Amino acid sequence: MNLLEILKAPGINTLDISFKYFDKYQSYLNPDKEDEESDSFNTVGGETMGCVWKFLQDGQQNTLHALRIHCVGLESSSIETLGRINSLKHLSLDSIVFLGGSFLDLGSRGPLLFPNLELLEFNGIPKDFPLTDVRNFIRCRPSIGLVTRFEPDSNSEAE
């Protein structure tokens, strides 16, 4: 049985979900010292991802204000799921790969998604990340204090 299937968290304020794969227990305990040769990015799908999105969709998360998603590929449907968490004020997307231009598509959907978002944070994004798409999304928002921060990933040069 998956832990998320039985977890009841009606008062959760902050949630950090990492899909980073650690091949050794020591790497988990000391993630900063992880082998640089290790490919720890995963495009998580199937049962695991389904359980995460079901947990987020169940409506139990009406107090969730801050959410960090780390090290996974996200499709449009996943971004839309996150956008329906009405209580969400801070979304951090860390080392995320957007599959199929998923973030771009959100701007055309109007204010239905992320209605209370105050801070949208991107970390570890590739140098060629489409900043124009994010700016277009922000322009489509009501006048909410929405801030976007970008950091180049460790393999990219800083501009």
C-alpha atoms as a PDB file:
ATOM      1  CA  MET A   1       0.000   0.000   0.000  1.00  0.00           C
ATOM      2  CA  ASN A   2       1.291   3.451  -0.876  1.00  0.00           C
ATOM      3  CA  LEU A   3       1.739   5.829   2.067  1.00  0.00           C
ATOM      4  CA  LEU A   4      -0.017   8.668   0.236  1.00  0.00           C
ATOM      5  CA  GLU A   5      -3.143   6.533  -0.137  1.00  0.00           C
ATOM      6  CA  ILE A   6      -3.647   6.460   3.632  1.00  0.00           C
ATOM      7  CA  LEU A   7      -2.080   9.780   4.644  1.00  0.00           C
ATOM      8  CA  LYS A   8      -4.582  12.263   6.019  1.00  0.00           C
ATOM      9  CA  ALA A   9      -3.071  15.707   6.381  1.00  0.00           C
ATOM     10  CA  PRO A  10      -5.876  18.241   6.786  1.00  0.00           C
ATOM     11  CA  GLY A  11      -3.593  20.828   8.411  1.00  0.00           C
ATOM     12  CA  ILE A  12      -0.543  20.582   6.170  1.00  0.00           C
ATOM     13  CA  ASN A  13       0.941  23.997   5.277  1.00  0.00           C
ATOM     14  CA  THR A  14       4.164  23.094   3.499  1.00  0.00           C
ATOM     15  CA  LEU A  15       4.976  20.058   1.383  1.00  0.00           C
ATOM     16  CA  ASP A  16       8.274  19.172  -0.286  1.00  0.00           C
ATOM     17  CA  ILE A  17       8.135  16.303  -2.787  1.00  0.00           C
ATOM     18  CA  SER A  18      11.393  15.165  -4.325  1.00  0.00           C
ATOM     19  CA  PHE A  19      11.621  12.457  -6.943  1.00  0.00           C
ATOM     20  CA  LYS A  20      15.388  12.423  -6.801  1.00  0.00           C
ATOM     21  CA  TYR A  21      16.731   8.916  -6.867  1.00  0.00           C
ATOM     22  CA  PHE A  22      19.501   8.037  -4.430  1.00  0.00           C
ATOM     23  CA  ASP A  23      21.225   4.774  -5.232  1.00  0.00           C
ATOM     24  CA  LYS A  24      22.952   4.596  -1.839  1.00  0.00           C
ATOM     25  CA  TYR A  25      21.652   5.332   1.648  1.00  0.00           C
ATOM     26  CA  GLN A  26      24.684   7.555   2.313  1.00  0.00           C
ATOM     27  CA  SER A  27      23.746   9.668  -0.723  1.00  0.00           C
ATOM     28  CA  TYR A  28      20.322  10.230   0.837  1.00  0.00           C
ATOM     29  CA  LEU A  29      21.862  11.301   4.135  1.00  0.00           C
ATOM     30  CA  ASN A  30      24.347  13.620   2.398  1.00  0.00           C
ATOM     31  CA  PRO A  31      22.775  14.708  -0.904  1.00  0.00           C
ATOM     32  CA  ASP A  32      25.382  17.445  -1.428  1.00  0.00           C
ATOM     33  CA  LYS A  33      28.120  14.818  -1.548  1.00  0.00           C
ATOM     34  CA  GLU A  34      26.329  12.631  -4.073  1.00  0.00           C
ATOM     35  CA  ASP A  35      28.350  11.114  -6.880  1.00  0.00           C
ATOM     36  CA  GLU A  36      28.443  13.592  -9.762  1.00  0.00           C
ATOM     37  CA  GLU A  37      28.286  10.688 -12.217  1.00  0.00           C
ATOM     38  CA  SER A  38      24.970   9.525 -10.824  1.00  0.00           C
ATOM     39  CA  ASP A  39      21.997  10.382 -13.031  1.00  0.00           C
ATOM     40  CA  SER A  40      19.450  11.223 -10.368  1.00  0.00           C
ATOM     41  CA  PHE A  41      16.746  12.802 -12.536  1.00  0.00           C
ATOM     42  CA  ASN A  42      13.671  10.680 -13.107  1.00  0.00           C
ATOM     43  CA  THR A  43      10.617  11.131 -15.228  1.00  0.00           C
ATOM     44  CA  VAL A  44       8.245   9.638 -12.725  1.00  0.00           C
ATOM     45  CA  GLY A  45       5.035   8.244 -14.040  1.00  0.00           C
ATOM     46  CA  GLY A  46       2.598   5.472 -13.570  1.00  0.00           C
ATOM     47  CA  GLU A  47       1.544   4.460 -10.097  1.00  0.00           C
ATOM     48  CA  THR A  48       3.915   6.718  -8.131  1.00  0.00           C
ATOM     49  CA  MET A  49       2.989   9.913  -9.932  1.00  0.00           C
ATOM     50  CA  GLY A  50      -0.674   8.939  -9.922  1.00  0.00           C
ATOM     51  CA  CYS A  51      -0.633   8.622  -6.128  1.00  0.00           C
ATOM     52  CA  VAL A  52       1.005  12.022  -5.706  1.00  0.00           C
ATOM     53  CA  TRP A  53      -1.502  13.776  -7.957  1.00  0.00           C
ATOM     54  CA  LYS A  54      -4.434  11.927  -6.361  1.00  0.00           C
ATOM     55  CA  PHE A  55      -3.213  13.090  -2.950  1.00  0.00           C
ATOM     56  CA  LEU A  56      -3.013  16.682  -4.194  1.00  0.00           C
ATOM     57  CA  GLN A  57      -6.426  16.505  -5.908  1.00  0.00           C
ATOM     58  CA  ASP A  58      -8.355  14.965  -3.027  1.00  0.00           C
ATOM     59  CA  GLY A  59      -9.339  18.313  -1.546  1.00  0.00           C
ATOM     60  CA  GLN A  60      -7.632  17.522   1.746  1.00  0.00           C
ATOM     61  CA  GLN A  61      -5.035  20.165   0.968  1.00  0.00           C
ATOM     62  CA  ASN A  62      -7.100  23.296   1.611  1.00  0.00           C
ATOM     63  CA  THR A  63      -4.392  24.576   3.976  1.00  0.00           C
ATOM     64  CA  LEU A  64      -1.415  23.876   1.699  1.00  0.00           C
ATOM     65  CA  HIS A  65       0.356  27.206   1.190  1.00  0.00           C
ATOM     66  CA  ALA A  66       3.816  26.171  -0.005  1.00  0.00           C
ATOM     67  CA  LEU A  67       4.711  23.321  -2.338  1.00  0.00           C
ATOM     68  CA  ARG A  68       8.081  22.314  -3.733  1.00  0.00           C
ATOM     69  CA  ILE A  69       8.298  19.734  -6.519  1.00  0.00           C
ATOM     70  CA  HIS A  70      11.832  18.527  -7.238  1.00  0.00           C
ATOM     71  CA  CYS A  71      13.595  16.537  -9.922  1.00  0.00           C
ATOM     72  CA  VAL A  72      10.835  15.251 -12.188  1.00  0.00           C
ATOM     73  CA  GLY A  73       9.336  15.706 -15.631  1.00  0.00           C
ATOM     74  CA  LEU A  74       5.926  17.425 -15.555  1.00  0.00           C
ATOM     75  CA  GLU A  75       3.233  17.352 -18.209  1.00  0.00           C
ATOM     76  CA  SER A  76       0.450  19.909 -18.679  1.00  0.00           C
ATOM     77  CA  SER A  77      -2.013  17.792 -16.724  1.00  0.00           C
ATOM     78  CA  SER A  78       0.334  17.782 -13.718  1.00  0.00           C
ATOM     79  CA  ILE A  79       0.728  21.562 -13.816  1.00  0.00           C
ATOM     80  CA  GLU A  80      -3.055  21.934 -14.036  1.00  0.00           C
ATOM     81  CA  THR A  81      -3.438  19.727 -10.952  1.00  0.00           C
ATOM     82  CA  LEU A  82      -1.085  22.005  -9.041  1.00  0.00           C
ATOM     83  CA  GLY A  83      -2.953  25.062 -10.332  1.00  0.00           C
ATOM     84  CA  ARG A  84      -6.204  23.820  -8.805  1.00  0.00           C
ATOM     85  CA  ILE A  85      -4.834  23.902  -5.265  1.00  0.00           C
ATOM     86  CA  ASN A  86      -6.617  27.132  -4.372  1.00  0.00           C
ATOM     87  CA  SER A  87      -4.759  27.679  -1.103  1.00  0.00           C
ATOM     88  CA  LEU A  88      -1.330  27.514  -2.773  1.00  0.00           C
ATOM     89  CA  LYS A  89       0.652  30.742  -2.341  1.00  0.00           C
ATOM     90  CA  HIS A  90       4.222  29.590  -3.033  1.00  0.00           C
ATOM     91  CA  LEU A  91       5.137  27.082  -5.729  1.00  0.00           C
ATOM     92  CA  SER A  92       8.753  26.061  -6.141  1.00  0.00           C
ATOM     93  CA  LEU A  93       9.647  24.022  -9.212  1.00  0.00           C
ATOM     94  CA  ASP A  94      13.168  22.756  -8.678  1.00  0.00           C
ATOM     95  CA  SER A  95      15.131  20.884 -11.371  1.00  0.00           C
ATOM     96  CA  ILE A  96      11.933  20.303 -13.340  1.00  0.00           C
ATOM     97  CA  VAL A  97      11.660  19.400 -17.000  1.00  0.00           C
ATOM     98  CA  PHE A  98       8.468  20.606 -18.645  1.00  0.00           C
ATOM     99  CA  LEU A  99       7.241  17.998 -21.094  1.00  0.00           C
ATOM    100  CA  GLY A 100       5.460  19.236 -24.194  1.00  0.00           C
ATOM    101  CA  GLY A 101       5.652  22.970 -23.480  1.00  0.00           C
ATOM    102  CA  SER A 102       3.403  22.497 -20.461  1.00  0.00           C
ATOM    103  CA  PHE A 103       3.994  25.822 -18.751  1.00  0.00           C
ATOM    104  CA  LEU A 104       3.308  27.814 -21.912  1.00  0.00           C
ATOM    105  CA  ASP A 105      -0.191  26.367 -22.209  1.00  0.00           C
ATOM    106  CA  LEU A 106      -1.312  27.735 -18.836  1.00  0.00           C
ATOM    107  CA  GLY A 107      -1.377  31.401 -19.866  1.00  0.00           C
ATOM    108  CA  SER A 108      -4.334  30.867 -22.155  1.00  0.00           C
ATOM    109  CA  ARG A 109      -6.455  29.324 -19.393  1.00  0.00           C
ATOM    110  CA  GLY A 110      -6.989  32.594 -17.576  1.00  0.00           C
ATOM    111  CA  PRO A 111      -7.253  33.106 -13.825  1.00  0.00           C
ATOM    112  CA  LEU A 112      -8.729  29.699 -13.032  1.00  0.00           C
ATOM    113  CA  LEU A 113      -5.344  28.171 -12.224  1.00  0.00           C
ATOM    114  CA  PHE A 114      -3.192  29.304  -9.289  1.00  0.00           C
ATOM    115  CA  PRO A 115      -5.780  31.845  -8.053  1.00  0.00           C
ATOM    116  CA  ASN A 116      -3.851  32.802  -4.894  1.00  0.00           C
ATOM    117  CA  LEU A 117      -0.269  32.249  -5.980  1.00  0.00           C
ATOM    118  CA  GLU A 118       2.093  34.937  -4.687  1.00  0.00           C
ATOM    119  CA  LEU A 119       5.487  33.428  -5.476  1.00  0.00           C
ATOM    120  CA  LEU A 120       6.435  31.217  -8.388  1.00  0.00           C
ATOM    121  CA  GLU A 121       9.993  29.987  -8.035  1.00  0.00           C
ATOM    122  CA  PHE A 122      12.109  28.171 -10.597  1.00  0.00           C
ATOM    123  CA  ASN A 123      15.427  26.631  -9.543  1.00  0.00           C
ATOM    124  CA  GLY A 124      17.908  24.609 -11.538  1.00  0.00           C
ATOM    125  CA  ILE A 125      16.320  25.319 -14.901  1.00  0.00           C
ATOM    126  CA  PRO A 126      18.283  24.972 -18.139  1.00  0.00           C
ATOM    127  CA  LYS A 127      19.711  28.060 -19.779  1.00  0.00           C
ATOM    128  CA  ASP A 128      17.314  27.701 -22.724  1.00  0.00           C
ATOM    129  CA  PHE A 129      14.183  27.708 -20.536  1.00  0.00           C
ATOM    130  CA  PRO A 130      11.459  29.738 -22.318  1.00  0.00           C
ATOM    131  CA  LEU A 131      11.287  32.858 -20.133  1.00  0.00           C
ATOM    132  CA  THR A 132       8.866  34.458 -22.581  1.00  0.00           C
ATOM    133  CA  ASP A 133       6.320  31.750 -21.804  1.00  0.00           C
ATOM    134  CA  VAL A 134       6.526  32.477 -18.080  1.00  0.00           C
ATOM    135  CA  ARG A 135       6.214  36.222 -18.660  1.00  0.00           C
ATOM    136  CA  ASN A 136       3.109  35.637 -20.785  1.00  0.00           C
ATOM    137  CA  PHE A 137       1.614  33.517 -18.016  1.00  0.00           C
ATOM    138  CA  ILE A 138       2.292  36.252 -15.456  1.00  0.00           C
ATOM    139  CA  ARG A 139       0.696  38.906 -17.696  1.00  0.00           C
ATOM    140  CA  CYS A 140      -2.505  36.833 -17.813  1.00  0.00           C
ATOM    141  CA  ARG A 141      -2.797  36.849 -14.037  1.00  0.00           C
ATOM    142  CA  PRO A 142      -4.926  39.206 -11.985  1.00  0.00           C
ATOM    143  CA  SER A 143      -2.938  41.813 -10.089  1.00  0.00           C
ATOM    144  CA  ILE A 144      -1.418  39.370  -7.609  1.00  0.00           C
ATOM    145  CA  GLY A 145       2.101  39.812  -6.285  1.00  0.00           C
ATOM    146  CA  LEU A 146       3.535  37.037  -8.422  1.00  0.00           C
ATOM    147  CA  VAL A 147       7.339  36.834  -8.421  1.00  0.00           C
ATOM    148  CA  THR A 148       9.489  34.584 -10.569  1.00  0.00           C
ATOM    149  CA  ARG A 149      13.091  33.766  -9.699  1.00  0.00           C
ATOM    150  CA  PHE A 150      15.409  31.872 -11.992  1.00  0.00           C
ATOM    151  CA  GLU A 151      18.708  30.235 -11.132  1.00  0.00           C
ATOM    152  CA  PRO A 152      20.883  28.552 -13.731  1.00  0.00           C
ATOM    153  CA  ASP A 153      21.502  24.896 -13.031  1.00  0.00           C
ATOM    154  CA  SER A 154      24.975  23.743 -12.055  1.00  0.00           C
ATOM    155  CA  ASN A 155      25.770  22.740 -15.645  1.00  0.00           C
ATOM    156  CA  SER A 156      24.821  26.133 -17.120  1.00  0.00           C
ATOM    157  CA  GLU A 157      26.831  29.310 -17.105  1.00  0.00           C
ATOM    158  CA  ALA A 158      25.404  32.305 -15.307  1.00  0.00           C
ATOM    159  CA  GLU A 159      24.422  35.192 -17.567  1.00  0.00           C
END
